[in-house]
């Protein structure tokens, strides 16, 4: 059974990982897409899904497909705004 403290820790950890990567100004389209997905997982409290997504975003050298084209139009500023709207526990 998950405790309130465990959930708060998972939320904080995912929030911090997203914020850290968003502080980078040179994100690839793949990273922006993955951060958007991880943010959606954070908003939906799906921490166990968001954590592996962030691992993928943090290592584009391993996971980014060649020639990836983003389908979304969300910018880094949009992602930062969404993250800022989420309160940290």
C-alpha atoms as a PDB file:
ATOM      1  CA  UNK A   1       0.000   0.000   0.000  1.00  0.00           C
ATOM      2  CA  UNK A   2       1.288   3.427  -0.943  1.00  0.00           C
ATOM      3  CA  UNK A   3       1.463   6.007   1.803  1.00  0.00           C
ATOM      4  CA  UNK A   4       0.906   9.727   1.452  1.00  0.00           C
ATOM      5  CA  UNK A   5       4.623  10.229   1.992  1.00  0.00           C
ATOM      6  CA  UNK A   6       5.501   7.770  -0.782  1.00  0.00           C
ATOM      7  CA  UNK A   7       3.178   9.524  -3.231  1.00  0.00           C
ATOM      8  CA  UNK A   8       4.529  12.939  -2.247  1.00  0.00           C
ATOM      9  CA  UNK A   9       8.083  11.710  -2.802  1.00  0.00           C
ATOM     10  CA  UNK A  10       7.218  10.267  -6.218  1.00  0.00           C
ATOM     11  CA  UNK A  11       5.518  13.551  -7.184  1.00  0.00           C
ATOM     12  CA  UNK A  12       8.486  15.619  -6.002  1.00  0.00           C
ATOM     13  CA  UNK A  13      11.041  13.411  -7.757  1.00  0.00           C
ATOM     14  CA  UNK A  14       9.223  13.513 -11.102  1.00  0.00           C
ATOM     15  CA  UNK A  15       8.627  17.268 -10.762  1.00  0.00           C
ATOM     16  CA  UNK A  16      12.333  17.860 -10.080  1.00  0.00           C
ATOM     17  CA  UNK A  17      13.461  15.720 -13.011  1.00  0.00           C
ATOM     18  CA  UNK A  18      11.154  17.583 -15.395  1.00  0.00           C
ATOM     19  CA  UNK A  19      12.253  20.981 -14.039  1.00  0.00           C
ATOM     20  CA  UNK A  20      15.928  20.062 -14.349  1.00  0.00           C
ATOM     21  CA  UNK A  21      15.595  19.018 -17.980  1.00  0.00           C
ATOM     22  CA  UNK A  22      13.447  22.058 -18.810  1.00  0.00           C
ATOM     23  CA  UNK A  23      16.229  24.320 -17.520  1.00  0.00           C
ATOM     24  CA  UNK A  24      18.244  23.214 -20.573  1.00  0.00           C
ATOM     25  CA  UNK A  25      17.767  25.587 -23.496  1.00  0.00           C
ATOM     26  CA  UNK A  26      18.966  23.080 -26.115  1.00  0.00           C
ATOM     27  CA  UNK A  27      16.325  20.383 -26.020  1.00  0.00           C
ATOM     28  CA  UNK A  28      15.705  18.195 -29.040  1.00  0.00           C
ATOM     29  CA  UNK A  29      12.198  17.790 -30.460  1.00  0.00           C
ATOM     30  CA  UNK A  30      12.214  14.251 -29.013  1.00  0.00           C
ATOM     31  CA  UNK A  31      12.999  15.553 -25.537  1.00  0.00           C
ATOM     32  CA  UNK A  32      10.246  18.177 -25.748  1.00  0.00           C
ATOM     33  CA  UNK A  33       7.760  15.485 -26.766  1.00  0.00           C
ATOM     34  CA  UNK A  34       8.817  13.165 -23.934  1.00  0.00           C
ATOM     35  CA  UNK A  35       8.719  15.975 -21.364  1.00  0.00           C
ATOM     36  CA  UNK A  36       5.170  16.777 -22.490  1.00  0.00           C
ATOM     37  CA  UNK A  37       4.182  13.154 -21.938  1.00  0.00           C
ATOM     38  CA  UNK A  38       5.877  13.044 -18.522  1.00  0.00           C
ATOM     39  CA  UNK A  39       4.078  16.248 -17.545  1.00  0.00           C
ATOM     40  CA  UNK A  40       0.767  14.684 -18.514  1.00  0.00           C
ATOM     41  CA  UNK A  41       1.655  11.685 -16.333  1.00  0.00           C
ATOM     42  CA  UNK A  42       2.554  14.006 -13.455  1.00  0.00           C
ATOM     43  CA  UNK A  43      -0.757  15.848 -13.837  1.00  0.00           C
ATOM     44  CA  UNK A  44      -2.590  12.512 -13.799  1.00  0.00           C
ATOM     45  CA  UNK A  45      -0.518  11.271 -10.819  1.00  0.00           C
ATOM     46  CA  UNK A  46       0.861   8.395 -12.916  1.00  0.00           C
ATOM     47  CA  UNK A  47       4.337   8.600 -11.421  1.00  0.00           C
ATOM     48  CA  UNK A  48       5.354   5.060 -12.352  1.00  0.00           C
ATOM     49  CA  UNK A  49       4.676   5.894 -16.006  1.00  0.00           C
ATOM     50  CA  UNK A  50       6.257   9.356 -15.939  1.00  0.00           C
ATOM     51  CA  UNK A  51       9.556   8.213 -14.423  1.00  0.00           C
ATOM     52  CA  UNK A  52      10.554   5.910 -17.330  1.00  0.00           C
ATOM     53  CA  UNK A  53       9.385   8.562 -19.791  1.00  0.00           C
ATOM     54  CA  UNK A  54      11.801  11.009 -18.174  1.00  0.00           C
ATOM     55  CA  UNK A  55      14.600   8.445 -18.439  1.00  0.00           C
ATOM     56  CA  UNK A  56      13.921   8.341 -22.169  1.00  0.00           C
ATOM     57  CA  UNK A  57      13.889  12.163 -22.351  1.00  0.00           C
ATOM     58  CA  UNK A  58      17.135  12.441 -20.409  1.00  0.00           C
ATOM     59  CA  UNK A  59      18.987  10.098 -22.795  1.00  0.00           C
ATOM     60  CA  UNK A  60      18.199  11.131 -26.380  1.00  0.00           C
ATOM     61  CA  UNK A  61      21.525   9.609 -27.408  1.00  0.00           C
ATOM     62  CA  UNK A  62      20.051   6.188 -26.612  1.00  0.00           C
ATOM     63  CA  UNK A  63      16.351   6.556 -27.369  1.00  0.00           C
ATOM     64  CA  UNK A  64      15.703   9.333 -29.887  1.00  0.00           C
ATOM     65  CA  UNK A  65      14.631   7.920 -33.253  1.00  0.00           C
ATOM     66  CA  UNK A  66      16.510   9.206 -36.291  1.00  0.00           C
ATOM     67  CA  UNK A  67      14.651  12.014 -38.048  1.00  0.00           C
ATOM     68  CA  UNK A  68      11.966  12.394 -35.364  1.00  0.00           C
ATOM     69  CA  UNK A  69       9.344  15.051 -36.159  1.00  0.00           C
ATOM     70  CA  UNK A  70       7.112  16.349 -33.393  1.00  0.00           C
ATOM     71  CA  UNK A  71       3.379  16.281 -33.860  1.00  0.00           C
ATOM     72  CA  UNK A  72       2.648  18.680 -30.992  1.00  0.00           C
ATOM     73  CA  UNK A  73       3.015  22.413 -31.014  1.00  0.00           C
ATOM     74  CA  UNK A  74       3.824  22.911 -27.336  1.00  0.00           C
ATOM     75  CA  UNK A  75       6.957  24.998 -26.767  1.00  0.00           C
ATOM     76  CA  UNK A  76       9.482  24.794 -23.955  1.00  0.00           C
ATOM     77  CA  UNK A  77       7.835  27.908 -22.445  1.00  0.00           C
ATOM     78  CA  UNK A  78       4.449  26.147 -22.533  1.00  0.00           C
ATOM     79  CA  UNK A  79       5.917  23.144 -20.729  1.00  0.00           C
ATOM     80  CA  UNK A  80       7.544  25.377 -18.110  1.00  0.00           C
ATOM     81  CA  UNK A  81       4.215  27.137 -17.534  1.00  0.00           C
ATOM     82  CA  UNK A  82       2.405  23.810 -17.092  1.00  0.00           C
ATOM     83  CA  UNK A  83       5.044  22.636 -14.644  1.00  0.00           C
ATOM     84  CA  UNK A  84       4.763  25.895 -12.714  1.00  0.00           C
ATOM     85  CA  UNK A  85       1.008  25.391 -12.380  1.00  0.00           C
ATOM     86  CA  UNK A  86       1.608  22.106 -10.559  1.00  0.00           C
ATOM     87  CA  UNK A  87       2.280  22.653  -6.897  1.00  0.00           C
ATOM     88  CA  UNK A  88       5.082  20.685  -5.333  1.00  0.00           C
ATOM     89  CA  UNK A  89       4.150  18.699  -2.225  1.00  0.00           C
END
